[in-house]
Amino acid sequence: ATGLRMMKEDDAIVWWPYGQIRQAQGSYAGEPVRLERGGDMAEVLVVPEAGFLSAIQQLAPGARARFHAPARRSTRLRLTLVAAIGVIVLGAALYLWGIPAFANAVASRIPVSWEEQLGQQVVEQLTATSRRCTDPERLKVLDRIVSTLTAPSAPVPYTFRITVLADPTINALAAPGGHLVLFAGLLEKTKTPEQLAGVLAHEIQHVLQRHPTRALFRDMSMRTLIASLTGDAGGLASALEAAGTLGGLRYSRKDEAAADRDGMTMLQAARIDPASMIDVFLVLKKEAGDVPRALTYLSNHPHTDDRIADLRRMAAQARYTPVPLLPEYPWAEMGKICEVRTPQ
């Protein structure tokens, strides 16, 4: 009732008081019972049968708290399942509501100067793998399009900066703080400056509504959550590194719809043909059948047909005569923007 009395092969008696014993194994089905006594160089007793624990529970009521009771395994299993389900439910709630709410709250409060630095980091990461196109004259033309789009609007806190990458991917993205990144493949596929203006209006709205900033914080928070749940300490550090990449981020349908709607409003305020945004979607949709691996712009924007239909309804409400955008500029020349570029 007060301890274990063991006889060794040489008939020597070993006495272990229950107060000096700790159970190291045997709490789960199929596990041998492992009891230890002592410090770093502990004595060890291994018993293959879980019934040994049941015997202790019966013979030594005062020691029950120190040892696992096999009779409680079914209860323990149920509690473990309940806890696992609770973790899944909590994780789902954080993913669906907690993390987006956190990202929105943080993104709406950080200074614009911080956003600009974050966006600069994104651009630097992108230019680490793709060369930057630096033709000054053609970059000025792109800046003129941005100026035309933003001129009718109220003053905004961002200074928009365009970066063109020598990459055949048909893509564009908005980085925090007013950074707009265009891939050379996209410039080659646009037929008119109005079509590019449609893309830029959409991406500018993402910046103005802080969608990329919220997406980065949401992605960073999700990676941190997963690392915490899995015990991956290294993942907590990599979460900050991963936050610098926009390539894998996806905006919500609500964000995309808002960028479409307000981008169309921006085009109309600048008196640019509202059909240009529709035209570029149609061009890119057509190209998607030929270059599925290179075309990523539409892959980041779900339900293209539905969005084109919505844009057509908005464009039909325009009541003005469009003003040609850059009528003097030979747009076909824009495809040569990467003839001047910085080395990798």
Protein backbone atom coordinates (compact mmCIF):
# COMPACT_ATOMS: atom_id res chain seq x y z
CA ALA A 1 0.00 0.00 0.00
CA THR A 2 2.94 2.38 0.42
CA GLY A 3 5.34 1.36 -2.35
CA LEU A 4 6.69 -1.24 -4.76
CA ARG A 5 8.74 -4.17 -3.50
CA MET A 6 10.77 -5.82 -6.24
CA MET A 7 13.04 -8.85 -6.20
CA LYS A 8 15.96 -8.86 -8.63
CA GLU A 9 17.45 -11.93 -10.27
CA ASP A 10 20.06 -12.17 -7.52
CA ASP A 11 17.26 -12.18 -4.91
CA ALA A 12 18.16 -8.65 -3.80
CA ILE A 13 15.16 -6.63 -2.64
CA VAL A 14 14.52 -3.15 -4.12
CA TRP A 15 12.06 -0.86 -2.39
CA TRP A 16 10.47 2.16 -4.13
CA PRO A 17 8.13 4.31 -2.01
CA TYR A 18 5.26 5.68 -4.14
CA GLY A 19 6.22 9.22 -3.21
CA GLN A 20 9.52 8.82 -5.07
CA ILE A 21 8.09 7.34 -8.26
CA ARG A 22 7.02 9.19 -11.37
CA GLN A 23 5.19 7.67 -14.33
CA ALA A 24 6.87 8.47 -17.66
CA GLN A 25 4.86 6.25 -20.01
CA GLY A 26 1.76 4.11 -20.13
CA SER A 27 -1.02 6.65 -20.35
CA TYR A 28 -2.12 5.55 -23.82
CA ALA A 29 -3.30 2.23 -25.18
CA GLY A 30 -0.49 0.04 -26.50
CA GLU A 31 2.19 1.84 -24.50
CA PRO A 32 4.23 -0.08 -21.91
CA VAL A 33 4.16 1.28 -18.37
CA ARG A 34 7.42 3.08 -17.56
CA LEU A 35 8.12 4.16 -14.00
CA GLU A 36 11.20 6.12 -12.94
CA ARG A 37 12.88 6.88 -9.61
CA GLY A 38 15.80 9.20 -9.03
CA GLY A 39 17.44 12.13 -10.80
CA ASP A 40 19.47 12.30 -14.03
CA MET A 41 20.64 8.69 -13.73
CA ALA A 42 17.21 7.38 -12.75
CA GLU A 43 16.30 3.77 -12.10
CA VAL A 44 13.67 2.55 -14.56
CA LEU A 45 10.99 -0.12 -14.31
CA VAL A 46 9.17 -1.14 -17.51
CA VAL A 47 6.06 -3.29 -17.28
CA PRO A 48 4.33 -4.29 -20.55
CA GLU A 49 0.86 -4.71 -19.08
CA ALA A 50 -1.40 -1.74 -18.31
CA GLY A 51 -3.12 -3.94 -15.73
CA PHE A 52 -0.15 -3.23 -13.47
CA LEU A 53 -1.47 0.33 -13.09
CA SER A 54 -4.94 -0.97 -12.29
CA ALA A 55 -3.45 -3.12 -9.53
CA ILE A 56 -1.72 -0.09 -7.99
CA GLN A 57 -5.01 1.83 -8.12
CA GLN A 58 -6.68 -0.96 -6.11
CA LEU A 59 -3.93 -1.70 -3.61
CA ALA A 60 -2.75 1.86 -2.93
CA PRO A 61 -5.69 4.31 -2.87
CA GLY A 62 -3.43 7.01 -1.49
CA ALA A 63 -1.16 6.85 -4.53
CA ARG A 64 -3.85 6.98 -7.20
CA ALA A 65 -3.13 10.60 -8.10
CA ARG A 66 0.47 9.72 -9.04
CA PHE A 67 -0.45 7.09 -11.63
CA HIS A 68 -2.66 6.89 -14.68
CA ALA A 69 -5.89 4.92 -14.32
CA PRO A 70 -6.50 2.75 -17.42
CA ALA A 71 -10.23 2.77 -16.63
CA ARG A 72 -10.29 6.48 -17.43
CA ARG A 73 -8.80 6.09 -20.91
CA SER A 74 -12.17 6.25 -22.68
CA THR A 75 -12.99 9.47 -20.84
CA ARG A 76 -9.56 10.84 -21.67
CA LEU A 77 -10.05 9.97 -25.34
CA ARG A 78 -13.39 11.77 -25.40
CA LEU A 79 -11.87 14.82 -23.76
CA THR A 80 -8.98 14.77 -26.23
CA LEU A 81 -11.43 14.63 -29.14
CA VAL A 82 -13.47 17.47 -27.66
CA ALA A 83 -10.29 19.52 -27.21
CA ALA A 84 -9.19 18.78 -30.80
CA ILE A 85 -12.58 19.84 -32.14
CA GLY A 86 -12.40 22.97 -29.99
CA VAL A 87 -9.00 23.86 -31.46
CA ILE A 88 -10.35 23.36 -34.99
CA VAL A 89 -13.42 25.50 -34.28
CA LEU A 90 -11.29 28.21 -32.65
CA GLY A 91 -8.84 28.16 -35.55
CA ALA A 92 -11.69 28.41 -38.06
CA ALA A 93 -13.24 31.30 -36.16
CA LEU A 94 -9.91 33.13 -36.06
CA TYR A 95 -9.39 32.48 -39.78
CA LEU A 96 -12.87 33.60 -40.82
CA TRP A 97 -13.42 36.51 -38.45
CA GLY A 98 -10.62 37.16 -36.01
CA ILE A 99 -7.69 37.49 -38.40
CA PRO A 100 -9.55 39.63 -41.02
CA ALA A 101 -10.81 41.91 -38.24
CA PHE A 102 -7.28 42.20 -36.84
CA ALA A 103 -5.80 42.89 -40.28
CA ASN A 104 -8.42 45.55 -41.02
CA ALA A 105 -7.88 47.26 -37.68
CA VAL A 106 -4.09 47.33 -38.02
CA ALA A 107 -4.06 48.36 -41.70
CA SER A 108 -6.42 51.27 -41.09
CA ARG A 109 -4.20 52.69 -38.36
CA ILE A 110 -0.62 52.36 -39.56
CA PRO A 111 0.96 55.54 -40.94
CA VAL A 112 1.29 56.01 -44.69
CA SER A 113 5.06 56.25 -44.25
CA TRP A 114 5.06 52.70 -42.88
CA GLU A 115 2.98 51.52 -45.81
CA GLU A 116 5.46 53.11 -48.20
CA GLN A 117 8.36 51.29 -46.54
CA LEU A 118 6.46 48.00 -46.63
CA GLY A 119 5.66 48.52 -50.30
CA GLN A 120 9.29 49.32 -51.04
CA GLN A 121 10.30 46.02 -49.46
CA VAL A 122 7.83 44.20 -51.70
CA VAL A 123 9.26 45.90 -54.79
CA GLU A 124 12.82 45.09 -53.73
CA GLN A 125 11.93 41.42 -53.32
CA LEU A 126 10.33 41.35 -56.75
CA THR A 127 13.27 43.09 -58.41
CA ALA A 128 15.62 40.57 -56.78
CA THR A 129 14.30 37.93 -59.22
CA SER A 130 13.31 40.10 -62.21
CA ARG A 131 15.17 43.00 -63.77
CA ARG A 132 13.63 46.44 -63.58
CA CYS A 133 12.85 48.24 -66.84
CA THR A 134 14.20 51.77 -66.60
CA ASP A 135 13.47 53.48 -69.93
CA PRO A 136 12.90 57.05 -68.60
CA GLU A 137 10.77 58.33 -71.47
CA ARG A 138 8.34 55.42 -71.46
CA LEU A 139 8.11 55.48 -67.67
CA LYS A 140 7.09 59.15 -67.94
CA VAL A 141 4.27 58.08 -70.26
CA LEU A 142 3.03 55.63 -67.64
CA ASP A 143 3.23 58.34 -64.99
CA ARG A 144 1.09 60.57 -67.21
CA ILE A 145 -1.64 57.91 -67.27
CA VAL A 146 -1.59 57.70 -63.47
CA SER A 147 -1.73 61.50 -63.21
CA THR A 148 -4.71 61.62 -65.58
CA LEU A 149 -6.53 59.03 -63.46
CA THR A 150 -5.85 60.69 -60.11
CA ALA A 151 -6.22 64.35 -61.14
CA PRO A 152 -10.04 64.56 -60.77
CA SER A 153 -9.98 62.93 -57.34
CA ALA A 154 -9.60 64.58 -53.98
CA PRO A 155 -6.01 64.74 -52.73
CA VAL A 156 -4.78 61.36 -51.57
CA PRO A 157 -1.98 60.62 -49.08
CA TYR A 158 -0.08 58.38 -51.52
CA THR A 159 2.53 59.18 -54.13
CA PHE A 160 2.07 56.56 -56.83
CA ARG A 161 5.24 55.00 -58.17
CA ILE A 162 5.34 52.60 -61.12
CA THR A 163 7.84 49.78 -61.38
CA VAL A 164 8.06 47.72 -64.59
CA LEU A 165 9.63 44.29 -64.44
CA ALA A 166 11.27 42.55 -67.40
CA ASP A 167 9.06 39.52 -67.00
CA PRO A 168 6.81 37.94 -69.67
CA THR A 169 4.13 37.22 -67.07
CA ILE A 170 0.87 38.97 -67.89
CA ASN A 171 0.29 40.52 -64.53
CA ALA A 172 0.08 43.68 -62.44
CA LEU A 173 -0.14 44.20 -58.72
CA ALA A 174 -0.52 46.92 -56.15
CA ALA A 175 1.88 47.05 -53.23
CA PRO A 176 1.25 49.06 -50.06
CA GLY A 177 1.97 52.76 -50.00
CA GLY A 178 1.27 53.60 -53.64
CA HIS A 179 3.65 51.19 -55.38
CA LEU A 180 2.24 49.84 -58.66
CA VAL A 181 4.11 46.95 -60.31
CA LEU A 182 3.59 46.15 -64.00
CA PHE A 183 5.02 43.11 -65.72
CA ALA A 184 6.32 43.57 -69.27
CA GLY A 185 4.03 40.80 -70.51
CA LEU A 186 1.01 42.89 -69.59
CA LEU A 187 2.28 45.98 -71.42
CA GLU A 188 2.85 43.89 -74.54
CA LYS A 189 -0.74 42.64 -74.50
CA THR A 190 -2.50 45.97 -74.00
CA LYS A 191 -3.44 47.51 -77.34
CA THR A 192 -4.17 51.06 -76.19
CA PRO A 193 -3.27 53.37 -73.30
CA GLU A 194 -6.94 53.27 -72.31
CA GLN A 195 -6.69 49.52 -71.71
CA LEU A 196 -3.71 49.98 -69.42
CA ALA A 197 -5.57 52.82 -67.70
CA GLY A 198 -8.31 50.29 -66.89
CA VAL A 199 -5.79 48.03 -65.17
CA LEU A 200 -4.12 50.93 -63.36
CA ALA A 201 -7.45 52.32 -62.13
CA HIS A 202 -8.26 48.93 -60.63
CA GLU A 203 -4.85 48.65 -58.92
CA ILE A 204 -4.92 52.26 -57.70
CA GLN A 205 -8.20 51.53 -55.96
CA HIS A 206 -6.62 48.58 -54.22
CA VAL A 207 -3.98 50.97 -52.83
CA LEU A 208 -6.45 53.68 -51.84
CA GLN A 209 -8.59 51.14 -49.98
CA ARG A 210 -5.49 49.56 -48.40
CA HIS A 211 -6.31 46.10 -49.73
CA PRO A 212 -2.67 44.99 -50.17
CA THR A 213 -1.76 46.19 -46.68
CA ARG A 214 -4.67 44.29 -45.16
CA ALA A 215 -3.82 41.22 -47.24
CA LEU A 216 -0.22 41.25 -46.03
CA PHE A 217 -1.24 41.53 -42.39
CA ARG A 218 -3.87 38.83 -42.89
CA ASP A 219 -1.32 36.49 -44.48
CA MET A 220 1.26 37.20 -41.79
CA SER A 221 -1.32 36.60 -39.05
CA MET A 222 -2.47 33.34 -40.60
CA ARG A 223 1.08 32.04 -40.88
CA THR A 224 1.70 33.04 -37.27
CA LEU A 225 -1.47 31.24 -36.18
CA ILE A 226 -0.49 28.04 -37.99
CA ALA A 227 3.03 28.21 -36.57
CA SER A 228 1.60 28.65 -33.07
CA LEU A 229 -0.84 25.75 -33.40
CA THR A 230 1.81 23.42 -34.78
CA GLY A 231 4.56 24.52 -32.43
CA ASP A 232 6.77 25.61 -35.32
CA ALA A 233 8.92 28.31 -33.74
CA GLY A 234 10.76 28.85 -37.02
CA GLY A 235 7.44 29.57 -38.69
CA LEU A 236 6.94 32.61 -36.51
CA ALA A 237 10.09 34.17 -37.96
CA SER A 238 9.28 33.12 -41.52
CA ALA A 239 5.84 34.72 -41.19
CA LEU A 240 7.46 38.15 -41.25
CA GLU A 241 9.56 37.21 -44.27
CA ALA A 242 6.53 35.82 -46.10
CA ALA A 243 4.65 39.06 -45.50
CA GLY A 244 6.97 40.77 -47.97
CA THR A 245 5.64 38.82 -50.94
CA LEU A 246 2.40 39.70 -52.70
CA GLY A 247 2.58 37.03 -55.39
CA GLY A 248 0.70 34.47 -53.33
CA LEU A 249 -1.88 36.80 -51.86
CA ARG A 250 -5.48 36.88 -52.97
CA TYR A 251 -8.00 39.62 -52.35
CA SER A 252 -11.52 38.79 -51.29
CA ARG A 253 -14.37 38.99 -53.78
CA LYS A 254 -15.59 42.03 -51.88
CA ASP A 255 -12.22 43.76 -52.38
CA GLU A 256 -12.15 42.89 -56.08
CA ALA A 257 -15.70 44.14 -56.58
CA ALA A 258 -14.83 47.40 -54.81
CA ALA A 259 -11.70 47.88 -56.96
CA ASP A 260 -13.76 47.22 -60.10
CA ARG A 261 -16.54 49.57 -59.11
CA ASP A 262 -14.37 52.45 -57.93
CA GLY A 263 -11.87 51.88 -60.73
CA MET A 264 -14.68 52.32 -63.23
CA THR A 265 -15.76 55.49 -61.40
CA MET A 266 -12.16 56.75 -61.61
CA LEU A 267 -12.06 56.14 -65.37
CA GLN A 268 -15.30 58.03 -65.86
CA ALA A 269 -14.16 60.94 -63.69
CA ALA A 270 -11.07 61.21 -65.91
CA ARG A 271 -13.33 61.04 -69.02
CA ILE A 272 -11.53 57.94 -70.26
CA ASP A 273 -13.54 55.49 -72.31
CA PRO A 274 -15.20 53.22 -69.69
CA ALA A 275 -15.14 50.33 -72.15
CA SER A 276 -11.34 50.21 -71.82
CA MET A 277 -11.50 48.25 -68.57
CA ILE A 278 -13.83 45.75 -70.22
CA ASP A 279 -11.62 45.55 -73.30
CA VAL A 280 -8.51 44.65 -71.30
CA PHE A 281 -10.36 41.87 -69.48
CA LEU A 282 -11.53 40.50 -72.81
CA VAL A 283 -8.01 40.66 -74.26
CA LEU A 284 -6.53 38.91 -71.26
CA LYS A 285 -9.27 36.31 -71.23
CA LYS A 286 -8.53 35.52 -74.87
CA GLU A 287 -4.80 35.30 -74.19
CA ALA A 288 -5.38 32.96 -71.26
CA GLY A 289 -6.19 30.14 -73.67
CA ASP A 290 -2.78 30.47 -75.33
CA VAL A 291 -0.46 31.10 -72.40
CA PRO A 292 -2.06 29.60 -69.28
CA ARG A 293 1.19 29.52 -67.30
CA ALA A 294 2.21 33.06 -68.10
CA LEU A 295 -1.19 34.63 -67.56
CA THR A 296 -1.67 35.25 -63.85
CA TYR A 297 -3.65 38.49 -63.78
CA LEU A 298 -7.00 36.86 -64.39
CA SER A 299 -6.15 33.91 -62.17
CA ASN A 300 -5.97 36.36 -59.27
CA HIS A 301 -9.41 37.72 -60.16
CA PRO A 302 -12.19 35.10 -59.94
CA HIS A 303 -15.42 34.94 -61.94
CA THR A 304 -14.17 36.97 -64.89
CA ASP A 305 -17.38 36.64 -66.92
CA ASP A 306 -19.51 37.92 -64.04
CA ARG A 307 -17.20 40.83 -63.49
CA ILE A 308 -17.20 41.76 -67.16
CA ALA A 309 -21.01 41.75 -67.08
CA ASP A 310 -20.99 44.04 -64.02
CA LEU A 311 -18.49 46.39 -65.68
CA ARG A 312 -20.64 46.58 -68.79
CA ARG A 313 -23.63 47.62 -66.70
CA MET A 314 -21.56 50.36 -65.05
CA ALA A 315 -20.07 51.51 -68.36
CA ALA A 316 -23.55 51.79 -69.87
CA GLN A 317 -24.37 54.49 -67.31
CA ALA A 318 -21.64 56.84 -68.59
CA ARG A 319 -23.03 60.07 -70.03
CA TYR A 320 -20.05 61.82 -71.60
CA THR A 321 -17.89 61.81 -74.69
CA PRO A 322 -14.60 60.04 -73.89
CA VAL A 323 -11.42 62.05 -74.32
CA PRO A 324 -8.64 60.13 -76.14
CA LEU A 325 -5.79 59.25 -73.83
CA LEU A 326 -2.31 60.07 -75.16
CA PRO A 327 -3.48 60.36 -78.80
CA GLU A 328 -0.03 61.53 -79.90
CA TYR A 329 1.84 58.58 -78.44
CA PRO A 330 2.44 55.44 -80.58
CA TRP A 331 1.33 52.87 -78.02
CA ALA A 332 2.99 49.97 -79.82
CA GLU A 333 6.30 51.49 -78.72
CA MET A 334 5.44 50.83 -75.07
CA GLY A 335 6.29 47.16 -75.59
CA LYS A 336 9.94 48.21 -75.94
CA ILE A 337 10.11 49.64 -72.42
CA CYS A 338 12.44 46.88 -71.26
CA GLU A 339 15.10 47.60 -73.85
CA VAL A 340 16.60 49.74 -71.10
CA ARG A 341 16.80 47.91 -67.79
CA THR A 342 18.91 47.51 -64.71
CA PRO A 343 20.99 44.35 -64.32
CA GLN A 344 19.92 41.68 -61.84
